[in-house]
Each structure stands twice: as structure tokens, then as C-alpha cells.
Amino acid sequence: MFSEILKYISVYFLSMVKFMAGPPLGVAVGIPTWGTILLSIFGMMTSVVIVILIGEKIKVFWLPKFIRNARGKKPTNKHFLNLWNRFGVFGVTFLTPILFTPIGGTLLVTAMGSSRGKIFIYMLGSAVFWGIVLSIIAQIIL
């Protein structure tokens, strides 16, 4: 009984930190595909909600440390600004489960001044899409 609960909790918490690892772990430990999808979505959205709620404080405190000059010569600034200018909120949130962690992607979008509602909706759509896709791929491979 405890080992079953531990399986579900581990997929949930792993999806909070690194979304891409949640669905394969869920399939590997024997959780049904629908359960893996739901746990991955809830895990990602938990971290998104936490970051959205404290996002303004993070934006004021951390943004100046990482992005000193938005038009500066730092390669990471240029790459992120190119991604932001090309795809906007939707693109960054859609790619968050693949390229970033849920926490990192939400921080980036929050730092760029997007509204909480838009971030939540786009992140939810991204979590649902990638949760289904990654769970099905993991089911096929494993």
C-alpha cells in the first residue's frame, strides 16, 4: 500500500520540478496512462500556481540578477529575447515542459510581465498537451 502511494507521489513531485521526467517515471512504475497524465498535469500546475502567486516578488528580486541589461551582449539574454520576440507568451509556455522546468518557464514568463490568467491558461494547455504526448510515447517505448 505504501509503495503504491509512493509511486504516485514521486510522479507528482517529479513533475513539479522537471516535467519531462514525470510521465516516463509514471509509466515505468506501472501507473495507468491516464493516472500518469493527471499526476503530471497536477504536478506542473502546482509549481506554476506557486510561482504565479509569488511571481511579483521574484520579478523584483531575481530579474535584475539574471537579466542585467535586456539589450546587453550576454548570449543567454539574446537567446531568450529572440525566443520571446518570436513566439511570445504562448511559445515560451508551450516549450516550457521540454526546454525549461515548470518553475523556470513560469519565472521567465512572469518576469516579462505577462498576466497571471494568461500564464495559467497557457501553462495548463501546455501541461495537458505534453502530458498526453509524453505519456503515450513512454507507454509505446516502455
Protein backbone atom coordinates (compact mmCIF):
# COMPACT_ATOMS: atom_id res chain seq x y z
CA MET A 1 0.00 0.00 0.00
CA PHE A 2 2.71 2.47 1.00
CA SER A 3 4.76 1.62 -2.11
CA GLU A 4 1.74 2.37 -4.34
CA ILE A 5 1.24 5.77 -2.71
CA LEU A 6 4.97 6.46 -3.02
CA LYS A 7 4.78 5.80 -6.78
CA TYR A 8 2.03 8.35 -7.24
CA ILE A 9 3.68 10.95 -5.01
CA SER A 10 7.03 10.57 -6.78
CA VAL A 11 5.47 11.21 -10.21
CA TYR A 12 3.61 14.22 -8.84
CA PHE A 13 6.66 15.82 -7.22
CA LEU A 14 8.98 14.99 -10.10
CA SER A 15 6.54 16.69 -12.49
CA MET A 16 6.64 19.76 -10.27
CA VAL A 17 10.40 20.04 -10.72
CA LYS A 18 11.12 18.54 -14.16
CA PHE A 19 8.01 17.82 -16.17
CA MET A 20 9.63 15.62 -18.83
CA ALA A 21 10.69 13.07 -16.24
CA GLY A 22 7.22 12.59 -14.72
CA PRO A 23 5.37 10.71 -17.49
CA PRO A 24 8.15 8.20 -18.21
CA LEU A 25 8.54 7.51 -14.49
CA GLY A 26 4.79 7.01 -14.11
CA VAL A 27 4.68 4.52 -16.97
CA ALA A 28 7.84 2.77 -15.75
CA VAL A 29 6.48 2.17 -12.25
CA GLY A 30 3.18 0.83 -13.57
CA ILE A 31 0.77 3.71 -13.05
CA PRO A 32 -2.01 3.67 -15.67
CA THR A 33 -1.55 6.11 -18.54
CA TRP A 34 -4.49 8.31 -17.51
CA GLY A 35 -3.11 8.46 -13.96
CA THR A 36 0.32 9.42 -15.23
CA ILE A 37 -1.18 12.17 -17.38
CA LEU A 38 -3.22 13.60 -14.48
CA LEU A 39 -0.37 13.43 -11.97
CA SER A 40 1.98 15.13 -14.41
CA ILE A 41 -0.51 17.90 -15.13
CA PHE A 42 -1.29 18.48 -11.45
CA GLY A 43 2.40 18.44 -10.57
CA MET A 44 3.32 21.04 -13.18
CA MET A 45 0.35 23.24 -12.40
CA THR A 46 1.13 23.17 -8.67
CA SER A 47 4.55 24.69 -9.29
CA VAL A 48 3.07 27.14 -11.82
CA VAL A 49 0.49 28.37 -9.29
CA ILE A 50 3.12 28.74 -6.57
CA VAL A 51 5.40 30.75 -8.86
CA ILE A 52 2.50 32.89 -10.13
CA LEU A 53 1.48 33.72 -6.57
CA ILE A 54 4.95 34.82 -5.55
CA GLY A 55 5.95 35.98 -9.03
CA GLU A 56 5.99 39.71 -8.37
CA LYS A 57 8.44 39.34 -5.52
CA ILE A 58 10.61 37.08 -7.63
CA LYS A 59 10.39 39.51 -10.52
CA VAL A 60 11.60 42.42 -8.41
CA PHE A 61 14.34 40.47 -6.60
CA TRP A 62 15.71 37.96 -9.14
CA LEU A 63 15.18 39.59 -12.52
CA PRO A 64 17.91 42.20 -12.07
CA LYS A 65 20.37 39.47 -11.10
CA PHE A 66 19.84 37.34 -14.19
CA ILE A 67 18.99 39.89 -16.85
CA ARG A 68 21.09 42.94 -16.09
CA ASN A 69 20.65 44.59 -19.44
CA ALA A 70 17.92 43.20 -21.67
CA ARG A 71 19.69 44.53 -24.74
CA GLY A 72 23.12 43.50 -23.47
CA LYS A 73 25.68 41.31 -25.11
CA LYS A 74 25.14 38.24 -22.94
CA PRO A 75 24.32 35.22 -25.15
CA THR A 76 21.66 33.89 -22.75
CA ASN A 77 19.86 37.24 -22.87
CA LYS A 78 19.96 37.28 -26.66
CA HIS A 79 18.66 33.73 -26.99
CA PHE A 80 15.82 34.27 -24.56
CA LEU A 81 14.88 37.62 -26.10
CA ASN A 82 14.90 36.08 -29.58
CA LEU A 83 12.61 33.31 -28.33
CA TRP A 84 10.37 35.84 -26.60
CA ASN A 85 10.18 38.19 -29.58
CA ARG A 86 9.47 35.36 -31.99
CA PHE A 87 6.92 33.35 -30.02
CA GLY A 88 5.75 35.45 -27.05
CA VAL A 89 3.92 34.06 -24.05
CA PHE A 90 2.38 31.17 -25.96
CA GLY A 91 5.68 29.96 -27.38
CA VAL A 92 7.57 30.11 -24.11
CA THR A 93 4.79 28.38 -22.16
CA PHE A 94 4.37 25.74 -24.87
CA LEU A 95 8.07 24.92 -24.81
CA THR A 96 8.43 25.10 -21.03
CA PRO A 97 7.95 21.36 -20.32
CA ILE A 98 10.53 20.46 -22.96
CA LEU A 99 13.17 23.20 -22.66
CA PHE A 100 12.76 24.53 -19.13
CA THR A 101 11.43 23.36 -15.82
CA PRO A 102 7.88 24.42 -14.89
CA ILE A 103 9.38 26.74 -12.30
CA GLY A 104 11.91 28.25 -14.71
CA GLY A 105 9.45 28.74 -17.55
CA THR A 106 6.91 30.36 -15.27
CA LEU A 107 9.57 32.64 -13.83
CA LEU A 108 10.61 33.71 -17.33
CA VAL A 109 7.08 34.47 -18.45
CA THR A 110 6.26 36.23 -15.19
CA ALA A 111 9.42 38.29 -15.43
CA MET A 112 8.42 39.51 -18.88
CA GLY A 113 5.23 40.97 -17.42
CA SER A 114 2.53 38.60 -18.64
CA SER A 115 -0.78 38.48 -16.80
CA ARG A 116 -1.41 35.73 -14.26
CA GLY A 117 -4.51 34.48 -16.04
CA LYS A 118 -2.79 34.19 -19.39
CA ILE A 119 0.17 32.38 -17.85
CA PHE A 120 -2.11 29.92 -16.06
CA ILE A 121 -4.23 29.13 -19.12
CA TYR A 122 -1.27 28.71 -21.46
CA MET A 123 0.67 26.62 -18.96
CA LEU A 124 -2.39 24.42 -18.40
CA GLY A 125 -2.76 23.87 -22.14
CA SER A 126 0.92 23.08 -22.42
CA ALA A 127 0.81 20.67 -19.47
CA VAL A 128 -2.20 18.84 -20.92
CA PHE A 129 -0.66 18.57 -24.39
CA TRP A 130 2.80 17.46 -23.27
CA GLY A 131 1.40 15.23 -20.52
CA ILE A 132 -0.62 13.27 -23.07
CA VAL A 133 2.16 13.19 -25.67
CA LEU A 134 4.95 12.19 -23.27
CA SER A 135 2.80 9.57 -21.52
CA ILE A 136 1.81 7.95 -24.81
CA ILE A 137 5.40 7.98 -26.07
CA ALA A 138 6.60 6.47 -22.79
CA GLN A 139 3.86 3.83 -22.99
CA ILE A 140 4.96 2.88 -26.51
CA ILE A 141 8.68 2.80 -25.68
CA LEU A 142 8.47 1.16 -22.27
